[in-house]
Amino acid sequence: MIQQLIIFMLFLAAAGFIGRKIWKSFDSSGGCGKGCGCSTDKKIA
């Protein structure tokens, strides 16, 4: 029983991680399109 609970929690964590990556890939806030969060409009000093 405890092993199934641990596996279920790991599955939920993995599904959440993948879901967040997919959700962020549809974010249209600019950047290079790889979903890494970089911004192409940053000034290089």
PDB file of N, CA and C in Angstrom:
ATOM      1  N   MET A   1       0.818  -1.199   0.000  1.00  0.00           N
ATOM      2  CA  MET A   1       0.000   0.000   0.000  1.00  0.00           C
ATOM      3  C   MET A   1       0.864   1.266   0.000  1.00  0.00           C
ATOM      4  N   ILE A   2       1.845   1.330   0.865  1.00  0.00           N
ATOM      5  CA  ILE A   2       2.699   2.521   0.930  1.00  0.00           C
ATOM      6  C   ILE A   2       3.519   2.670  -0.354  1.00  0.00           C
ATOM      7  N   GLN A   3       3.897   1.536  -0.958  1.00  0.00           N
ATOM      8  CA  GLN A   3       4.663   1.596  -2.201  1.00  0.00           C
ATOM      9  C   GLN A   3       3.815   2.172  -3.330  1.00  0.00           C
ATOM     10  N   GLN A   4       2.551   1.803  -3.377  1.00  0.00           N
ATOM     11  CA  GLN A   4       1.662   2.339  -4.404  1.00  0.00           C
ATOM     12  C   GLN A   4       1.460   3.838  -4.214  1.00  0.00           C
ATOM     13  N   LEU A   5       1.388   4.273  -2.985  1.00  0.00           N
ATOM     14  CA  LEU A   5       1.239   5.693  -2.702  1.00  0.00           C
ATOM     15  C   LEU A   5       2.478   6.471  -3.155  1.00  0.00           C
ATOM     16  N   ILE A   6       3.646   5.929  -2.902  1.00  0.00           N
ATOM     17  CA  ILE A   6       4.894   6.577  -3.320  1.00  0.00           C
ATOM     18  C   ILE A   6       4.965   6.657  -4.843  1.00  0.00           C
ATOM     19  N   ILE A   7       4.630   5.567  -5.534  1.00  0.00           N
ATOM     20  CA  ILE A   7       4.640   5.549  -6.995  1.00  0.00           C
ATOM     21  C   ILE A   7       3.636   6.564  -7.546  1.00  0.00           C
ATOM     22  N   PHE A   8       2.454   6.636  -6.937  1.00  0.00           N
ATOM     23  CA  PHE A   8       1.436   7.587  -7.377  1.00  0.00           C
ATOM     24  C   PHE A   8       1.919   9.021  -7.198  1.00  0.00           C
ATOM     25  N   MET A   9       2.576   9.311  -6.088  1.00  0.00           N
ATOM     26  CA  MET A   9       3.095  10.657  -5.853  1.00  0.00           C
ATOM     27  C   MET A   9       4.196  11.001  -6.850  1.00  0.00           C
ATOM     28  N   LEU A  10       5.059  10.043  -7.159  1.00  0.00           N
ATOM     29  CA  LEU A  10       6.099  10.273  -8.164  1.00  0.00           C
ATOM     30  C   LEU A  10       5.485  10.515  -9.539  1.00  0.00           C
ATOM     31  N   PHE A  11       4.446   9.754  -9.856  1.00  0.00           N
ATOM     32  CA  PHE A  11       3.756   9.943 -11.128  1.00  0.00           C
ATOM     33  C   PHE A  11       3.138  11.336 -11.216  1.00  0.00           C
ATOM     34  N   LEU A  12       2.500  11.784 -10.146  1.00  0.00           N
ATOM     35  CA  LEU A  12       1.905  13.119 -10.137  1.00  0.00           C
ATOM     36  C   LEU A  12       2.966  14.207 -10.288  1.00  0.00           C
ATOM     37  N   ALA A  13       4.099  14.022  -9.633  1.00  0.00           N
ATOM     38  CA  ALA A  13       5.177  15.005  -9.746  1.00  0.00           C
ATOM     39  C   ALA A  13       5.706  15.063 -11.181  1.00  0.00           C
ATOM     40  N   ALA A  14       5.893  13.902 -11.803  1.00  0.00           N
ATOM     41  CA  ALA A  14       6.379  13.860 -13.183  1.00  0.00           C
ATOM     42  C   ALA A  14       5.355  14.463 -14.140  1.00  0.00           C
ATOM     43  N   ALA A  15       4.082  14.142 -13.945  1.00  0.00           N
ATOM     44  CA  ALA A  15       3.035  14.695 -14.801  1.00  0.00           C
ATOM     45  C   ALA A  15       2.950  16.212 -14.640  1.00  0.00           C
ATOM     46  N   GLY A  16       3.104  16.701 -13.431  1.00  0.00           N
ATOM     47  CA  GLY A  16       3.100  18.137 -13.198  1.00  0.00           C
ATOM     48  C   GLY A  16       4.284  18.828 -13.857  1.00  0.00           C
ATOM     49  N   PHE A  17       5.438  18.192 -13.793  1.00  0.00           N
ATOM     50  CA  PHE A  17       6.637  18.744 -14.415  1.00  0.00           C
ATOM     51  C   PHE A  17       6.458  18.845 -15.929  1.00  0.00           C
ATOM     52  N   ILE A  18       5.986  17.772 -16.544  1.00  0.00           N
ATOM     53  CA  ILE A  18       5.773  17.767 -17.989  1.00  0.00           C
ATOM     54  C   ILE A  18       4.670  18.758 -18.369  1.00  0.00           C
ATOM     55  N   GLY A  19       3.608  18.785 -17.581  1.00  0.00           N
ATOM     56  CA  GLY A  19       2.527  19.725 -17.852  1.00  0.00           C
ATOM     57  C   GLY A  19       2.983  21.171 -17.787  1.00  0.00           C
ATOM     58  N   ARG A  20       3.832  21.475 -16.830  1.00  0.00           N
ATOM     59  CA  ARG A  20       4.341  22.844 -16.700  1.00  0.00           C
ATOM     60  C   ARG A  20       5.229  23.209 -17.886  1.00  0.00           C
ATOM     61  N   LYS A  21       6.057  22.252 -18.338  1.00  0.00           N
ATOM     62  CA  LYS A  21       6.904  22.500 -19.506  1.00  0.00           C
ATOM     63  C   LYS A  21       6.050  22.774 -20.741  1.00  0.00           C
ATOM     64  N   ILE A  22       4.988  21.992 -20.912  1.00  0.00           N
ATOM     65  CA  ILE A  22       4.100  22.187 -22.059  1.00  0.00           C
ATOM     66  C   ILE A  22       3.382  23.529 -21.946  1.00  0.00           C
ATOM     67  N   TRP A  23       2.897  23.857 -20.752  1.00  0.00           N
ATOM     68  CA  TRP A  23       2.188  25.118 -20.536  1.00  0.00           C
ATOM     69  C   TRP A  23       3.095  26.308 -20.846  1.00  0.00           C
ATOM     70  N   LYS A  24       4.343  26.243 -20.400  1.00  0.00           N
ATOM     71  CA  LYS A  24       5.275  27.346 -20.639  1.00  0.00           C
ATOM     72  C   LYS A  24       5.668  27.442 -22.105  1.00  0.00           C
ATOM     73  N   SER A  25       5.603  26.337 -22.853  1.00  0.00           N
ATOM     74  CA  SER A  25       5.960  26.389 -24.267  1.00  0.00           C
ATOM     75  C   SER A  25       4.922  27.164 -25.070  1.00  0.00           C
ATOM     76  N   PHE A  26       3.684  27.264 -24.567  1.00  0.00           N
ATOM     77  CA  PHE A  26       2.644  28.016 -25.248  1.00  0.00           C
ATOM     78  C   PHE A  26       2.615  29.476 -24.810  1.00  0.00           C
ATOM     79  N   ASP A  27       3.452  29.857 -23.866  1.00  0.00           N
ATOM     80  CA  ASP A  27       3.506  31.238 -23.402  1.00  0.00           C
ATOM     81  C   ASP A  27       4.072  32.114 -24.514  1.00  0.00           C
ATOM     82  N   SER A  28       3.400  33.194 -24.833  1.00  0.00           N
ATOM     83  CA  SER A  28       3.824  34.053 -25.944  1.00  0.00           C
ATOM     84  C   SER A  28       4.457  35.348 -25.439  1.00  0.00           C
ATOM     85  N   SER A  29       5.342  35.240 -24.481  1.00  0.00           N
ATOM     86  CA  SER A  29       5.960  36.444 -23.926  1.00  0.00           C
ATOM     87  C   SER A  29       7.315  36.740 -24.558  1.00  0.00           C
ATOM     88  N   GLY A  30       7.582  36.206 -25.725  1.00  0.00           N
ATOM     89  CA  GLY A  30       8.828  36.492 -26.409  1.00  0.00           C
ATOM     90  C   GLY A  30       9.895  35.469 -26.087  1.00  0.00           C
ATOM     91  N   GLY A  31      11.078  35.757 -26.525  1.00  0.00           N
ATOM     92  CA  GLY A  31      12.180  34.843 -26.304  1.00  0.00           C
ATOM     93  C   GLY A  31      12.494  34.066 -27.566  1.00  0.00           C
ATOM     94  N   CYS A  32      13.259  33.038 -27.405  1.00  0.00           N
ATOM     95  CA  CYS A  32      13.739  32.288 -28.561  1.00  0.00           C
ATOM     96  C   CYS A  32      12.830  31.138 -28.953  1.00  0.00           C
ATOM     97  N   GLY A  33      11.803  30.823 -28.190  1.00  0.00           N
ATOM     98  CA  GLY A  33      10.875  29.770 -28.549  1.00  0.00           C
ATOM     99  C   GLY A  33      11.235  28.397 -28.029  1.00  0.00           C
ATOM    100  N   LYS A  34      12.340  28.286 -27.307  1.00  0.00           N
ATOM    101  CA  LYS A  34      12.726  26.989 -26.758  1.00  0.00           C
ATOM    102  C   LYS A  34      12.098  26.734 -25.401  1.00  0.00           C
ATOM    103  N   GLY A  35      11.459  27.719 -24.828  1.00  0.00           N
ATOM    104  CA  GLY A  35      10.840  27.557 -23.523  1.00  0.00           C
ATOM    105  C   GLY A  35      11.806  27.684 -22.365  1.00  0.00           C
ATOM    106  N   CYS A  36      12.975  28.277 -22.622  1.00  0.00           N
ATOM    107  CA  CYS A  36      13.979  28.387 -21.567  1.00  0.00           C
ATOM    108  C   CYS A  36      13.822  29.667 -20.751  1.00  0.00           C
ATOM    109  N   GLY A  37      12.998  30.585 -21.226  1.00  0.00           N
ATOM    110  CA  GLY A  37      12.775  31.818 -20.485  1.00  0.00           C
ATOM    111  C   GLY A  37      13.701  32.955 -20.874  1.00  0.00           C
ATOM    112  N   CYS A  38      14.541  32.754 -21.883  1.00  0.00           N
ATOM    113  CA  CYS A  38      15.432  33.834 -22.306  1.00  0.00           C
ATOM    114  C   CYS A  38      14.630  34.875 -23.079  1.00  0.00           C
ATOM    115  N   SER A  39      15.163  36.036 -23.200  1.00  0.00           N
ATOM    116  CA  SER A  39      14.478  37.110 -23.900  1.00  0.00           C
ATOM    117  C   SER A  39      15.389  37.660 -24.980  1.00  0.00           C
ATOM    118  N   THR A  40      14.862  37.799 -26.194  1.00  0.00           N
ATOM    119  CA  THR A  40      15.677  38.293 -27.297  1.00  0.00           C
ATOM    120  C   THR A  40      15.813  39.805 -27.286  1.00  0.00           C
ATOM    121  N   ASP A  41      14.998  40.499 -26.494  1.00  0.00           N
ATOM    122  CA  ASP A  41      15.058  41.951 -26.471  1.00  0.00           C
ATOM    123  C   ASP A  41      15.908  42.503 -25.331  1.00  0.00           C
ATOM    124  N   LYS A  42      16.724  41.674 -24.722  1.00  0.00           N
ATOM    125  CA  LYS A  42      17.620  42.148 -23.666  1.00  0.00           C
ATOM    126  C   LYS A  42      18.752  42.962 -24.285  1.00  0.00           C
ATOM    127  N   LYS A  43      19.127  44.022 -23.598  1.00  0.00           N
ATOM    128  CA  LYS A  43      20.251  44.818 -24.061  1.00  0.00           C
ATOM    129  C   LYS A  43      21.547  44.154 -23.622  1.00  0.00           C
ATOM    130  N   ILE A  44      22.461  44.036 -24.562  1.00  0.00           N
ATOM    131  CA  ILE A  44      23.770  43.459 -24.251  1.00  0.00           C
ATOM    132  C   ILE A  44      24.700  44.605 -23.885  1.00  0.00           C
ATOM    133  N   ALA A  45      25.214  44.587 -22.685  1.00  0.00           N
ATOM    134  CA  ALA A  45      26.060  45.682 -22.214  1.00  0.00           C
ATOM    135  C   ALA A  45      27.506  45.283 -22.206  1.00  0.00           C
TER     136      ALA A  45
END
